[in-house]
Every structure is written in C-alpha cells, then in structure tokens.
Amino acid sequence: MVWDYIILAIYALSMIGIAIYTRNRSKSVNDFLLAGKKGLNGWMTAFAYGTTYFSAVIFIGYAGKFGAQYGLAAVWIGIGNAILGSLIAWLVLAKRTKTMTTRLAAKTMPEFFEKRYGSRRLKIVSAVIIFLFLIPYSASVYNGLSSLFMVVFDIPGWVIMLALAALTALYLFFGGYFATALSDFIQGIIMLIGVVAMVICFMNHGNVDWDLSKLTSSSELGWFTFSSANTGLYGNTVSLISLILLTSFGVWALPQTIHKYYAVRDNKAIMQGTVVSTLFALIIGFGAYFTGALSAYFPNALVQGSDNIIPLMIKAVIPSGLIGVLAVLILSASMSTLSSVSLASASVVAVDIYKGKINPNASDKKVNWVLKSLCLVFVAISVVLAILNEKYKISAIAYLMGLSWGVLAGCFMGPYVLGVLWKKVSRPAVWSSIISSLVLTVTLIFIFGYDKNGWDCAFGKALQDGINCSPMIGVICMAFSLIITTVVSLFTKAPTQETQAAFEDKTDKEEKAVEEK
C-alpha cells in the first residue's frame, strides 16, 4: 500500500509542476480560454477532448451500474461513444466550428449564440443555463472519485474531494486552457495504460480466467438485451439505447467538449485529432464498460450499491502498487473533466455576463482575473454539492451526469449543431428550442416518475424515479430540439446578411487573415 501512496504523491506533484510551468501562459482572456493565437495541435486537442469526455463518472458510475445491469451489451455504449461521439462528431462539427467561431470572434458557446443570432439576451440566458447545469455534472465527478478512495484506501470522501478540488483549481488558475490541455495529454496516456492494465488484471483473476461463458451464455448478460424480459418503456432495451444515444450525441452540444474545436490549430490538426480522439474513445470506452460487465463474476461487489461495484472489484483483484496506478487513472479522468467543465462554466459568466452585460468596458486584464476567480468559485460550489450529495444521497452518480447532459444537449442541440451547418436557423427557433426543452425536461421527469410508481405516489419518490429516467428524457429533448429548431426556422425570418456571411467559403489565404485579425 505504501507504493500506492507514493504513486499518488508523484502524480500530485506533477500536476503542481504543470501549474508552475504554465503560470505565464494565461496573461489574456484569449490565452486563458484558447491557449493563445496559434491554438493546439491535433494530439493535444484530441486528448483534451477524450479526457473531458471520459471521467470518473464513466469508470465508477456508468461502467459499474450499467455493466452489471446489461452485461456485455454495455460495451455498445463505449463503441457508440467512439463512432458517434468522437469520429462522426469531429467530422461534422470540428472544421465548421473552428471556422465560424474564428469568423465571428466567439470564445464561448453563449458568445457564439449572440453573434450568430444577434441577441444579447440569448447569450445571457444560455450562459446561466450552462453554469447551473454543469454543476451537477461536476459534482458527480467528485462523487465518483470519492467512492473509489473510500472503498480502496479507506479515506473519507470529503478529504479526497477537497484534495482534488485544490489540485484542479491550482493548475487551472495559473495556466488556463494550456495547462488543462498539457495535463490532459499526460492524463490521457495514464488513462490508456491504466484501462488496459485493469482489463488484463480482471481477465487473469481466478473468477474469470479468460472464460466469459457466464456472460455469453446468459440472455440477460449477453451482447444484446432484446429478450422479452427487457422490453417495455422502462426495460433494459430502451434504457441501453437511450444511454448510447445520450452519451454519444450529447457531446455534440456540450460547451466543455465543443470548446476543444475552438482552440484546435488548423485543418491538419483537425484531421489528426479526429483519428486520435476516435482511437482514444474506443480503447477507454470499451475497456471501462467491459470491466463493468465482468462484475457478474464478483457477487460481493453487486450487493453494495452501483457506485461501489468497480471500487470493490479493484480492491478484490488489483495488487498493491498497481492499485496506485488505477487510482491515478480515475484521478486523471476526474481532473481533466473537472478542469474543462470549470473552464466552460467560468468563461460563460466572465465573458458573457460580466463583460457582456455588467461591465462592457472592462479591460482584458480585469476580465481575465474575473475568469480565474470564477474558476475557483465553480470548483468550490461543485465540491460543496458533491459533499452534500455524499451525505444525503441525493441521486446516484450516473443520473446526476445524465440530468446535466440531457438538459444542456436538449437546449442546445438544435441551436448549435444546426447553427453551424445551416444558414437559415433563426433567432425565434433558438428561443423555441431552449425554452421548450427546459419545460419538456421538467414535465417528463414528473410524467415518468409518476408513471413508474402510480399517480398517487409521494412527490419525492416521483421526482427521484423521474431523474433516474434522465438518459431517456435527454434523448427525447435532443430530438425535439432538432425538430423544433428546423420547423420554426422554416417559418420565421432568417438571420442578417452579416451573420450569413460566416458561412461563405473562403480561400486559405483569406481564412488565415481572419484568424490573425
């Protein structure tokens, strides 16, 4: 166990070293958010995207709960994440996002909405929604990590949460996006090594010993879950499809993942990032959910709550020394996601609300300090919520993430995805998507909650079970956003000529001139 603590100490010191190394790389808002004028190469951007995509929620909450629930079929979630959430997402959105945000001089998603649709109110509303609904996602990441350290190291959850918050805030405050991307690159390598080591160790365990017959011979724990027992609105079939769609398409409209396209260097880096991010997602996604499926061989882990399944499996199988490596794997996944989420949330308040509304004449230096300070505030709010959730068990880790992703993707799927692909998306269509998606989310939470328990059940029970349907609700809202944005745009006034000019094809020379400007 001593070696495990030594490995953790080395990792913590390396993150402090990154903070010191990058302390002079965030002197302006542009430096802090986009790593300077040149941007980042494909490898660093791809690893930043991948490590933001896969956090402790995936390894602890999702892999444990859904690996146990669906068996090997859970692996389809990871495969969907690689193909739909990485490969197709990069091919469809990366180049167009980079081009349009450069032409419109937009550093955040709300700022893109303002300049794309000509509405300052739209910027303010979207900024508030992003800030509020990224908090439960951030809290779920803290809770996922605390579950591991409480079970494996017997360290109180609040202690590791505070330590994680302090480390993340340190290198984020000093280095901004460049420090985040540099740490993500290192953390991504650790994640790749760790997940491969974890799969090998579990497969070599005596209960498994490379024999998957227990999984492949059972219709309930096979590659597919389309048996009669899994049908119905709340059956495993619909649930699994919802998870694949939410976790694969949700990242198409999340501000913390979209931000990576803003800061990629050029078209060559985009092509490089497309390949690297897809391979990264395939290895991490497959490895995490495959490990979760192996929980069928560990009955003792299945009876202590879904959030403890993977930690208990690690404690039972992984030898001392390697436990430290896997702890760093989960820690890396958590810190990379937290830094990206904190950066996305703080930026919308500093750039879109403070600079955009409260103090339009604020200097770049002042906005930069506000941005850094808000990163610390967001980290603090998230860790407090996570500690409260740990104490009162407000909701499971997986469903906190599902709620956050579902609301944000539901509000912004149409306005953002169609907004970078189609000239005719109108301002009324964007308002229709955001407002109706919020109303639809709340409505469906109570409809599904009461429908599962009967319409005479307690309000709290209906609310909890409604939130537990958040993956399905998120998918419905994403589809609704695309539909209503399209329909309303067809019957309302198109954007101004100036905005539509952002869609015009330009030569490489003209594009370079725009970027330099």
Protein backbone atom coordinates (compact mmCIF):
# COMPACT_ATOMS: atom_id res chain seq x y z
CA MET A 1 0.00 0.00 0.00
CA VAL A 2 2.99 2.30 0.54
CA TRP A 3 3.78 2.21 -3.17
CA ASP A 4 0.21 3.21 -3.96
CA TYR A 5 0.57 6.36 -1.88
CA ILE A 6 3.95 7.12 -3.45
CA ILE A 7 2.41 6.89 -6.94
CA LEU A 8 -0.39 9.22 -5.89
CA ALA A 9 2.12 11.69 -4.43
CA ILE A 10 4.18 11.68 -7.65
CA TYR A 11 1.05 12.37 -9.66
CA ALA A 12 0.02 15.26 -7.40
CA LEU A 13 3.49 16.78 -7.62
CA SER A 14 3.43 16.52 -11.43
CA MET A 15 0.15 18.46 -11.54
CA ILE A 16 1.69 21.13 -9.30
CA GLY A 17 4.67 21.18 -11.67
CA ILE A 18 2.35 21.83 -14.62
CA ALA A 19 0.82 24.76 -12.75
CA ILE A 20 4.27 26.25 -12.18
CA TYR A 21 5.42 25.58 -15.75
CA THR A 22 2.36 27.21 -17.34
CA ARG A 23 1.98 30.14 -14.94
CA ASN A 24 2.92 32.68 -17.63
CA ARG A 25 0.72 31.19 -20.38
CA SER A 26 -2.58 32.80 -19.37
CA LYS A 27 -1.97 36.56 -19.36
CA SER A 28 -5.00 37.38 -21.52
CA VAL A 29 -8.54 36.04 -21.91
CA ASN A 30 -7.57 34.60 -25.28
CA ASP A 31 -4.58 32.83 -23.71
CA PHE A 32 -6.65 31.53 -20.82
CA LEU A 33 -9.50 30.17 -22.95
CA LEU A 34 -7.86 29.25 -26.26
CA ALA A 35 -4.16 28.70 -25.41
CA GLY A 36 -3.09 31.71 -27.49
CA LYS A 37 -3.47 32.68 -31.14
CA LYS A 38 -1.92 29.57 -32.67
CA GLY A 39 -4.07 27.05 -30.83
CA LEU A 40 -3.12 23.44 -30.08
CA ASN A 41 -2.04 20.59 -32.31
CA GLY A 42 -4.22 17.59 -33.09
CA TRP A 43 -2.76 15.25 -30.48
CA MET A 44 -3.20 17.64 -27.56
CA THR A 45 -6.68 18.67 -28.69
CA ALA A 46 -7.75 15.04 -29.15
CA PHE A 47 -6.50 14.04 -25.71
CA ALA A 48 -8.18 17.12 -24.19
CA TYR A 49 -11.43 16.08 -25.89
CA GLY A 50 -11.14 12.45 -24.84
CA THR A 51 -10.22 13.07 -21.22
CA THR A 52 -13.05 15.60 -20.91
CA TYR A 53 -15.44 13.05 -22.44
CA PHE A 54 -14.49 10.19 -20.09
CA SER A 55 -14.39 10.97 -16.38
CA ALA A 56 -14.71 9.10 -13.10
CA VAL A 57 -18.44 9.01 -13.82
CA ILE A 58 -17.76 6.63 -16.71
CA PHE A 59 -15.41 4.33 -14.79
CA ILE A 60 -17.27 4.31 -11.46
CA GLY A 61 -20.92 5.28 -12.04
CA TYR A 62 -21.65 4.18 -15.59
CA ALA A 63 -19.33 1.17 -16.01
CA GLY A 64 -20.28 -0.28 -12.64
CA LYS A 65 -24.02 0.28 -12.76
CA PHE A 66 -24.68 -0.42 -16.42
CA GLY A 67 -22.03 -3.10 -16.83
CA ALA A 68 -23.78 -5.04 -14.07
CA GLN A 69 -27.23 -4.27 -15.49
CA TYR A 70 -26.60 -5.04 -19.18
CA GLY A 71 -23.58 -7.36 -19.12
CA LEU A 72 -21.50 -7.36 -22.30
CA ALA A 73 -24.18 -5.31 -24.06
CA ALA A 74 -22.90 -2.29 -22.08
CA VAL A 75 -19.84 -2.35 -24.36
CA TRP A 76 -22.06 -0.92 -27.11
CA ILE A 77 -22.14 2.33 -25.15
CA GLY A 78 -18.36 2.63 -25.46
CA ILE A 79 -18.43 1.69 -29.15
CA GLY A 80 -21.16 4.28 -29.77
CA ASN A 81 -19.09 6.90 -27.95
CA ALA A 82 -16.12 6.20 -30.23
CA ILE A 83 -18.03 6.17 -33.54
CA LEU A 84 -20.81 8.70 -32.94
CA GLY A 85 -19.40 10.82 -30.13
CA SER A 86 -15.86 11.10 -31.48
CA LEU A 87 -15.40 10.13 -35.15
CA ILE A 88 -18.67 11.48 -36.60
CA ALA A 89 -18.74 14.45 -34.22
CA TRP A 90 -15.27 15.58 -35.31
CA LEU A 91 -16.02 15.03 -39.00
CA VAL A 92 -19.26 17.01 -38.85
CA LEU A 93 -18.51 19.75 -36.33
CA ALA A 94 -14.79 20.38 -35.82
CA LYS A 95 -13.88 22.27 -39.01
CA ARG A 96 -17.16 24.16 -39.21
CA THR A 97 -16.98 25.17 -35.53
CA LYS A 98 -13.38 26.35 -35.85
CA THR A 99 -14.20 28.35 -38.98
CA MET A 100 -17.35 30.02 -37.68
CA THR A 101 -16.10 30.85 -34.20
CA THR A 102 -12.99 32.40 -35.75
CA ARG A 103 -15.01 34.50 -38.20
CA LEU A 104 -17.46 35.58 -35.50
CA ALA A 105 -14.69 36.10 -32.89
CA ALA A 106 -16.59 33.93 -30.39
CA LYS A 107 -14.73 32.39 -27.44
CA THR A 108 -17.68 30.64 -25.77
CA MET A 109 -20.90 28.94 -26.81
CA PRO A 110 -23.13 31.79 -25.49
CA GLU A 111 -20.96 34.32 -27.33
CA PHE A 112 -21.39 32.23 -30.48
CA PHE A 113 -25.16 32.33 -29.99
CA GLU A 114 -25.10 36.10 -29.53
CA LYS A 115 -23.12 36.78 -32.70
CA ARG A 116 -24.69 34.03 -34.76
CA TYR A 117 -28.28 35.03 -33.93
CA GLY A 118 -27.84 38.72 -32.99
CA SER A 119 -29.22 38.52 -29.46
CA ARG A 120 -27.50 39.59 -26.25
CA ARG A 121 -30.38 38.18 -24.18
CA LEU A 122 -29.82 34.81 -25.77
CA LYS A 123 -26.21 34.95 -24.65
CA ILE A 124 -27.16 35.74 -21.05
CA VAL A 125 -29.84 33.04 -20.80
CA SER A 126 -27.64 30.33 -22.33
CA ALA A 127 -24.76 31.34 -20.04
CA VAL A 128 -26.95 30.94 -16.94
CA ILE A 129 -28.23 27.54 -18.12
CA ILE A 130 -24.69 26.30 -18.79
CA PHE A 131 -23.40 27.46 -15.40
CA LEU A 132 -26.31 25.95 -13.45
CA PHE A 133 -26.47 22.57 -15.17
CA LEU A 134 -22.74 21.89 -15.32
CA ILE A 135 -22.64 21.97 -11.52
CA PRO A 136 -24.42 18.59 -11.01
CA TYR A 137 -22.13 17.03 -13.63
CA SER A 138 -19.08 18.36 -11.82
CA ALA A 139 -20.47 17.10 -8.52
CA SER A 140 -20.99 13.63 -9.99
CA VAL A 141 -17.30 13.53 -10.94
CA TYR A 142 -16.27 14.30 -7.36
CA ASN A 143 -18.62 11.62 -6.04
CA GLY A 144 -17.26 9.03 -8.45
CA LEU A 145 -13.71 9.60 -7.29
CA SER A 146 -14.64 9.66 -3.60
CA SER A 147 -16.33 6.25 -3.95
CA LEU A 148 -13.06 4.72 -5.15
CA PHE A 149 -10.90 6.20 -2.40
CA MET A 150 -13.36 5.41 0.38
CA VAL A 151 -13.58 1.73 -0.62
CA VAL A 152 -9.98 1.08 -1.68
CA PHE A 153 -7.95 3.43 0.56
CA ASP A 154 -10.45 3.94 3.40
CA ILE A 155 -10.07 7.71 3.02
CA PRO A 156 -13.17 9.83 3.81
CA GLY A 157 -14.85 11.09 0.67
CA TRP A 158 -14.75 14.75 1.64
CA VAL A 159 -10.96 14.62 2.08
CA ILE A 160 -10.28 13.37 -1.44
CA MET A 161 -12.87 15.78 -2.85
CA LEU A 162 -11.10 18.75 -1.28
CA ALA A 163 -7.70 17.49 -2.44
CA LEU A 164 -8.98 17.02 -5.99
CA ALA A 165 -10.56 20.48 -5.98
CA ALA A 166 -7.34 22.10 -4.75
CA LEU A 167 -5.15 20.42 -7.39
CA THR A 168 -7.57 21.17 -10.22
CA ALA A 169 -8.02 24.79 -9.16
CA LEU A 170 -4.26 25.26 -8.88
CA TYR A 171 -3.20 24.40 -12.41
CA LEU A 172 -6.40 25.79 -13.93
CA PHE A 173 -5.96 29.16 -12.19
CA PHE A 174 -2.34 29.58 -13.23
CA GLY A 175 -2.29 28.03 -16.70
CA GLY A 176 -5.84 28.13 -18.07
CA TYR A 177 -6.61 26.03 -21.12
CA PHE A 178 -2.96 25.42 -22.00
CA ALA A 179 -2.32 23.92 -18.55
CA THR A 180 -5.53 21.91 -18.86
CA ALA A 181 -4.54 20.58 -22.29
CA LEU A 182 -0.99 19.74 -21.18
CA SER A 183 -2.25 17.90 -18.10
CA ASP A 184 -4.92 16.21 -20.24
CA PHE A 185 -2.22 14.86 -22.55
CA ILE A 186 -0.33 13.34 -19.62
CA GLN A 187 -3.53 12.13 -18.00
CA GLY A 188 -4.71 10.63 -21.27
CA ILE A 189 -1.58 8.49 -21.52
CA ILE A 190 -2.13 7.37 -17.92
CA MET A 191 -5.75 6.51 -18.72
CA LEU A 192 -4.78 4.39 -21.74
CA ILE A 193 -2.17 2.44 -19.78
CA GLY A 194 -4.43 2.11 -16.75
CA VAL A 195 -7.51 0.82 -18.55
CA VAL A 196 -5.50 -1.83 -20.44
CA ALA A 197 -3.85 -2.93 -17.18
CA MET A 198 -7.23 -3.07 -15.45
CA VAL A 199 -8.77 -5.30 -18.15
CA ILE A 200 -5.78 -7.68 -18.12
CA CYS A 201 -5.82 -7.96 -14.32
CA PHE A 202 -9.53 -8.73 -14.20
CA MET A 203 -9.31 -11.25 -17.03
CA ASN A 204 -6.47 -13.06 -15.21
CA HIS A 205 -8.39 -13.24 -11.95
CA GLY A 206 -9.38 -16.70 -10.78
CA ASN A 207 -13.11 -16.00 -11.04
CA VAL A 208 -12.76 -15.05 -14.70
CA ASP A 209 -9.53 -16.63 -16.02
CA TRP A 210 -10.33 -15.55 -19.60
CA ASP A 211 -13.56 -17.57 -19.55
CA LEU A 212 -16.55 -15.39 -20.49
CA SER A 213 -19.06 -18.23 -20.71
CA LYS A 214 -21.04 -16.83 -17.80
CA LEU A 215 -21.64 -13.68 -19.82
CA THR A 216 -22.10 -15.13 -23.30
CA SER A 217 -24.40 -18.00 -22.26
CA SER A 218 -26.97 -15.81 -20.49
CA SER A 219 -29.59 -13.88 -22.45
CA GLU A 220 -29.67 -11.35 -19.63
CA LEU A 221 -25.89 -10.78 -19.70
CA GLY A 222 -25.01 -11.20 -23.37
CA TRP A 223 -24.14 -8.84 -26.20
CA PHE A 224 -27.81 -7.97 -26.73
CA THR A 225 -30.65 -7.35 -24.28
CA PHE A 226 -33.64 -7.81 -26.57
CA SER A 227 -35.20 -10.70 -24.62
CA SER A 228 -38.86 -10.48 -23.57
CA ALA A 229 -37.83 -9.61 -20.01
CA ASN A 230 -36.12 -6.46 -21.27
CA THR A 231 -38.95 -4.95 -23.32
CA GLY A 232 -41.20 -2.07 -22.39
CA LEU A 233 -40.61 1.63 -21.82
CA TYR A 234 -38.57 1.03 -18.66
CA GLY A 235 -36.89 -2.18 -19.78
CA ASN A 236 -33.20 -2.66 -20.44
CA THR A 237 -33.57 -2.41 -24.20
CA VAL A 238 -34.92 1.15 -24.24
CA SER A 239 -32.61 2.11 -21.39
CA LEU A 240 -29.50 0.86 -23.20
CA ILE A 241 -30.40 2.56 -26.47
CA SER A 242 -31.07 5.79 -24.56
CA LEU A 243 -27.66 5.64 -22.91
CA ILE A 244 -25.89 5.02 -26.21
CA LEU A 245 -27.65 7.98 -27.83
CA LEU A 246 -27.30 10.36 -24.88
CA THR A 247 -23.60 9.73 -24.23
CA SER A 248 -22.74 9.64 -27.95
CA PHE A 249 -24.76 12.57 -29.28
CA GLY A 250 -24.88 14.63 -26.08
CA VAL A 251 -21.25 15.71 -26.55
CA TRP A 252 -22.25 17.33 -29.85
CA ALA A 253 -23.79 20.20 -27.89
CA LEU A 254 -21.92 20.33 -24.57
CA PRO A 255 -19.90 23.55 -24.10
CA GLN A 256 -16.92 21.79 -22.49
CA THR A 257 -16.40 19.44 -25.45
CA ILE A 258 -17.30 21.93 -28.18
CA HIS A 259 -14.70 24.29 -26.73
CA LYS A 260 -11.95 21.93 -27.91
CA TYR A 261 -12.83 22.70 -31.54
CA TYR A 262 -12.40 26.44 -30.91
CA ALA A 263 -8.78 26.03 -29.91
CA VAL A 264 -7.53 23.45 -32.45
CA ARG A 265 -4.75 24.87 -34.62
CA ASP A 266 -5.73 24.19 -38.25
CA ASN A 267 -7.30 21.71 -40.70
CA LYS A 268 -4.32 19.37 -40.46
CA ALA A 269 -4.68 19.29 -36.68
CA ILE A 270 -8.41 18.62 -37.05
CA MET A 271 -7.79 15.54 -39.20
CA GLN A 272 -5.15 14.34 -36.76
CA GLY A 273 -7.46 14.96 -33.83
CA THR A 274 -10.30 13.05 -35.49
CA VAL A 275 -8.25 9.87 -35.72
CA VAL A 276 -6.60 10.13 -32.30
CA SER A 277 -9.80 11.02 -30.41
CA THR A 278 -11.66 8.09 -32.02
CA LEU A 279 -8.98 5.55 -31.08
CA PHE A 280 -8.76 7.01 -27.58
CA ALA A 281 -12.54 6.76 -27.11
CA LEU A 282 -12.63 3.20 -28.44
CA ILE A 283 -9.96 1.97 -26.02
CA ILE A 284 -11.27 3.82 -22.97
CA GLY A 285 -14.98 3.24 -23.66
CA PHE A 286 -14.63 -0.45 -24.48
CA GLY A 287 -12.28 -1.08 -21.55
CA ALA A 288 -14.45 0.69 -18.98
CA TYR A 289 -17.76 -0.99 -19.89
CA PHE A 290 -16.15 -4.38 -20.48
CA THR A 291 -14.71 -4.20 -16.95
CA GLY A 292 -18.15 -3.30 -15.63
CA ALA A 293 -19.65 -6.35 -17.35
CA LEU A 294 -17.17 -8.58 -15.52
CA SER A 295 -18.88 -7.62 -12.25
CA ALA A 296 -21.07 -10.71 -12.84
CA TYR A 297 -18.08 -12.70 -11.55
CA PHE A 298 -17.91 -10.66 -8.32
CA PRO A 299 -21.21 -11.21 -6.45
CA ASN A 300 -19.91 -9.47 -3.31
CA ALA A 301 -19.46 -6.24 -5.28
CA LEU A 302 -23.01 -6.32 -6.66
CA VAL A 303 -24.76 -6.09 -3.31
CA GLN A 304 -23.21 -2.85 -2.00
CA GLY A 305 -24.62 -0.25 -4.41
CA SER A 306 -23.86 0.54 -8.04
CA ASP A 307 -21.38 3.31 -7.16
CA ASN A 308 -19.20 0.85 -5.24
CA ILE A 309 -19.08 -2.01 -7.79
CA ILE A 310 -15.86 -1.02 -9.61
CA PRO A 311 -14.02 0.12 -6.42
CA LEU A 312 -14.83 -3.22 -4.72
CA MET A 313 -13.67 -5.15 -7.79
CA ILE A 314 -10.41 -3.19 -7.83
CA LYS A 315 -9.87 -3.84 -4.13
CA ALA A 316 -10.51 -7.57 -4.60
CA VAL A 317 -8.30 -8.11 -7.66
CA ILE A 318 -5.63 -5.46 -8.16
CA PRO A 319 -2.30 -5.95 -6.34
CA SER A 320 -0.65 -3.24 -4.26
CA GLY A 321 1.32 -0.84 -6.42
CA LEU A 322 -0.95 -1.29 -9.40
CA ILE A 323 -3.84 -0.01 -7.29
CA GLY A 324 -2.00 3.31 -7.18
CA VAL A 325 -1.78 3.33 -10.98
CA LEU A 326 -5.51 2.66 -11.33
CA ALA A 327 -6.29 5.28 -8.69
CA VAL A 328 -4.30 7.74 -10.80
CA LEU A 329 -6.31 6.54 -13.82
CA ILE A 330 -9.58 7.55 -12.12
CA LEU A 331 -7.97 10.69 -10.70
CA SER A 332 -6.74 11.70 -14.16
CA ALA A 333 -10.14 11.16 -15.72
CA SER A 334 -11.73 13.25 -12.97
CA MET A 335 -9.30 16.17 -13.00
CA SER A 336 -9.33 16.54 -16.78
CA THR A 337 -13.12 16.66 -16.84
CA LEU A 338 -13.38 18.99 -13.85
CA SER A 339 -10.91 21.48 -15.30
CA SER A 340 -12.75 21.57 -18.64
CA VAL A 341 -16.17 21.89 -17.00
CA SER A 342 -14.90 24.61 -14.65
CA LEU A 343 -13.33 26.49 -17.54
CA ALA A 344 -16.54 26.28 -19.60
CA SER A 345 -18.72 27.44 -16.71
CA ALA A 346 -16.47 30.26 -15.54
CA SER A 347 -15.98 31.56 -19.07
CA VAL A 348 -19.68 31.99 -19.75
CA VAL A 349 -20.07 34.10 -16.60
CA ALA A 350 -16.89 36.16 -17.05
CA VAL A 351 -17.07 36.72 -20.80
CA ASP A 352 -20.79 36.54 -21.48
CA ILE A 353 -22.33 38.00 -18.32
CA TYR A 354 -19.66 40.17 -16.66
CA LYS A 355 -18.05 41.57 -19.81
CA GLY A 356 -21.17 41.28 -21.93
CA LYS A 357 -23.71 42.78 -19.52
CA ILE A 358 -22.38 44.05 -16.19
CA ASN A 359 -19.19 45.83 -17.24
CA PRO A 360 -18.86 46.09 -21.04
CA ASN A 361 -15.87 48.43 -20.74
CA ALA A 362 -13.82 46.10 -18.53
CA SER A 363 -10.21 45.66 -19.64
CA ASP A 364 -8.94 42.30 -20.88
CA LYS A 365 -6.76 42.02 -17.78
CA LYS A 366 -9.70 42.58 -15.45
CA VAL A 367 -11.89 40.08 -17.29
CA ASN A 368 -9.06 37.56 -17.11
CA TRP A 369 -8.86 37.92 -13.33
CA VAL A 370 -12.62 37.58 -13.01
CA LEU A 371 -12.41 34.46 -15.18
CA LYS A 372 -9.71 32.93 -12.99
CA SER A 373 -11.60 33.78 -9.82
CA LEU A 374 -14.81 32.27 -11.14
CA CYS A 375 -12.97 29.02 -11.91
CA LEU A 376 -12.22 28.82 -8.18
CA VAL A 377 -15.83 29.67 -7.30
CA PHE A 378 -17.19 26.98 -9.60
CA VAL A 379 -14.83 24.37 -8.15
CA ALA A 380 -15.91 25.36 -4.63
CA ILE A 381 -19.65 25.19 -5.40
CA SER A 382 -19.25 21.81 -7.09
CA VAL A 383 -17.32 20.26 -4.23
CA VAL A 384 -19.86 21.52 -1.66
CA LEU A 385 -22.71 19.99 -3.68
CA ALA A 386 -20.75 16.74 -4.04
CA ILE A 387 -20.18 16.55 -0.27
CA LEU A 388 -23.90 17.16 0.36
CA ASN A 389 -24.77 14.50 -2.20
CA GLU A 390 -22.37 12.09 -0.48
CA LYS A 391 -24.01 12.75 2.85
CA TYR A 392 -27.67 12.77 1.86
CA LYS A 393 -27.52 10.51 -1.24
CA ILE A 394 -29.49 12.97 -3.38
CA SER A 395 -29.05 10.85 -6.51
CA ALA A 396 -26.79 8.20 -7.98
CA ILE A 397 -23.66 9.32 -9.82
CA ALA A 398 -24.87 8.08 -13.19
CA TYR A 399 -28.13 10.01 -13.02
CA LEU A 400 -26.54 13.30 -11.94
CA MET A 401 -24.49 13.14 -15.12
CA GLY A 402 -27.50 12.09 -17.20
CA LEU A 403 -29.55 15.03 -15.93
CA SER A 404 -26.79 17.53 -16.71
CA TRP A 405 -26.05 16.18 -20.19
CA GLY A 406 -29.74 15.81 -21.03
CA VAL A 407 -30.70 19.38 -20.15
CA LEU A 408 -27.72 21.02 -21.88
CA ALA A 409 -27.86 18.88 -25.02
CA GLY A 410 -31.63 19.23 -25.15
CA CYS A 411 -31.45 23.02 -25.04
CA PHE A 412 -28.53 23.48 -27.43
CA MET A 413 -28.56 20.56 -29.88
CA GLY A 414 -30.64 22.37 -32.50
CA PRO A 415 -29.29 25.90 -31.93
CA TYR A 416 -25.66 24.82 -32.04
CA VAL A 417 -25.45 21.81 -34.40
CA LEU A 418 -27.88 23.19 -36.95
CA GLY A 419 -26.48 26.65 -36.30
CA VAL A 420 -23.05 25.76 -37.67
CA LEU A 421 -24.42 23.72 -40.57
CA TRP A 422 -27.45 25.64 -41.87
CA LYS A 423 -27.74 29.33 -42.76
CA LYS A 424 -31.47 29.61 -42.16
CA VAL A 425 -31.59 28.82 -38.45
CA SER A 426 -33.40 31.80 -36.91
CA ARG A 427 -33.42 33.52 -33.57
CA PRO A 428 -37.05 32.53 -32.74
CA ALA A 429 -36.12 28.91 -33.46
CA VAL A 430 -33.28 29.07 -30.95
CA TRP A 431 -35.53 30.57 -28.25
CA SER A 432 -38.13 27.91 -29.01
CA SER A 433 -35.57 25.13 -28.53
CA ILE A 434 -34.14 26.45 -25.26
CA ILE A 435 -37.42 27.33 -23.55
CA SER A 436 -39.42 24.33 -24.69
CA SER A 437 -36.60 21.88 -23.90
CA LEU A 438 -36.40 23.14 -20.32
CA VAL A 439 -40.17 22.84 -19.92
CA LEU A 440 -40.18 19.43 -21.58
CA THR A 441 -37.39 18.14 -19.31
CA VAL A 442 -39.23 19.10 -16.12
CA THR A 443 -42.52 17.78 -17.46
CA LEU A 444 -41.09 14.42 -18.50
CA ILE A 445 -39.31 13.96 -15.15
CA PHE A 446 -42.67 14.03 -13.36
CA ILE A 447 -44.56 12.13 -16.05
CA PHE A 448 -42.08 9.23 -15.99
CA GLY A 449 -41.71 9.41 -12.20
CA TYR A 450 -45.43 9.14 -11.53
CA ASP A 451 -45.99 6.67 -14.36
CA LYS A 452 -43.49 4.22 -12.84
CA ASN A 453 -44.96 4.43 -9.34
CA GLY A 454 -48.59 5.32 -9.86
CA TRP A 455 -50.07 8.79 -9.84
CA ASP A 456 -50.80 8.64 -6.11
CA CYS A 457 -47.17 8.10 -5.06
CA ALA A 458 -45.18 10.59 -2.99
CA PHE A 459 -43.74 13.65 -4.74
CA GLY A 460 -40.18 12.84 -3.65
CA LYS A 461 -40.37 9.30 -4.98
CA ALA A 462 -41.75 10.50 -8.32
CA LEU A 463 -39.01 13.12 -8.58
CA GLN A 464 -36.25 10.61 -7.82
CA ASP A 465 -37.50 7.99 -10.27
CA GLY A 466 -38.10 10.68 -12.89
CA ILE A 467 -34.49 11.81 -12.61
CA ASN A 468 -33.48 8.14 -12.90
CA CYS A 469 -35.03 8.26 -16.40
CA SER A 470 -32.77 11.18 -17.33
CA PRO A 471 -30.97 9.33 -20.21
CA MET A 472 -34.29 8.66 -21.99
CA ILE A 473 -35.52 12.19 -21.24
CA GLY A 474 -32.28 13.65 -22.59
CA VAL A 475 -32.61 11.73 -25.87
CA ILE A 476 -36.21 12.88 -26.31
CA CYS A 477 -35.21 16.50 -25.69
CA MET A 478 -32.26 16.32 -28.12
CA ALA A 479 -34.51 15.02 -30.89
CA PHE A 480 -37.16 17.60 -30.01
CA SER A 481 -34.57 20.40 -30.16
CA LEU A 482 -33.52 19.44 -33.69
CA ILE A 483 -37.13 19.18 -34.85
CA ILE A 484 -38.44 22.41 -33.36
CA THR A 485 -35.37 24.39 -34.46
CA THR A 486 -35.87 23.17 -38.03
CA VAL A 487 -39.63 23.76 -38.13
CA VAL A 488 -39.58 27.24 -36.57
CA SER A 489 -36.66 28.30 -38.80
CA LEU A 490 -38.66 27.40 -41.90
CA PHE A 491 -41.47 29.78 -40.89
CA THR A 492 -39.52 32.69 -39.40
CA LYS A 493 -37.13 35.34 -40.62
CA ALA A 494 -33.59 34.19 -41.41
CA PRO A 495 -30.54 35.87 -39.79
CA THR A 496 -28.97 39.02 -41.20
CA GLN A 497 -26.72 39.03 -44.25
CA GLU A 498 -23.75 39.80 -41.99
CA THR A 499 -24.34 36.65 -39.96
CA GLN A 500 -24.89 34.50 -43.04
CA ALA A 501 -21.56 35.72 -44.41
CA ALA A 502 -19.90 33.48 -41.82
CA PHE A 503 -21.00 30.52 -43.97
CA GLU A 504 -19.31 31.74 -47.13
CA ASP A 505 -16.40 29.70 -48.44
CA LYS A 506 -13.08 31.50 -48.27
CA THR A 507 -9.63 30.69 -49.58
CA ASP A 508 -6.94 29.50 -47.17
CA LYS A 509 -5.25 32.89 -47.51
CA GLU A 510 -8.44 34.75 -46.57
CA GLU A 511 -9.07 32.37 -43.67
CA LYS A 512 -5.59 32.89 -42.31
CA ALA A 513 -6.08 36.66 -42.46
CA VAL A 514 -9.28 36.33 -40.42
CA GLU A 515 -7.53 34.20 -37.78
CA GLU A 516 -4.65 36.66 -37.48
CA LYS A 517 -7.10 39.53 -37.09
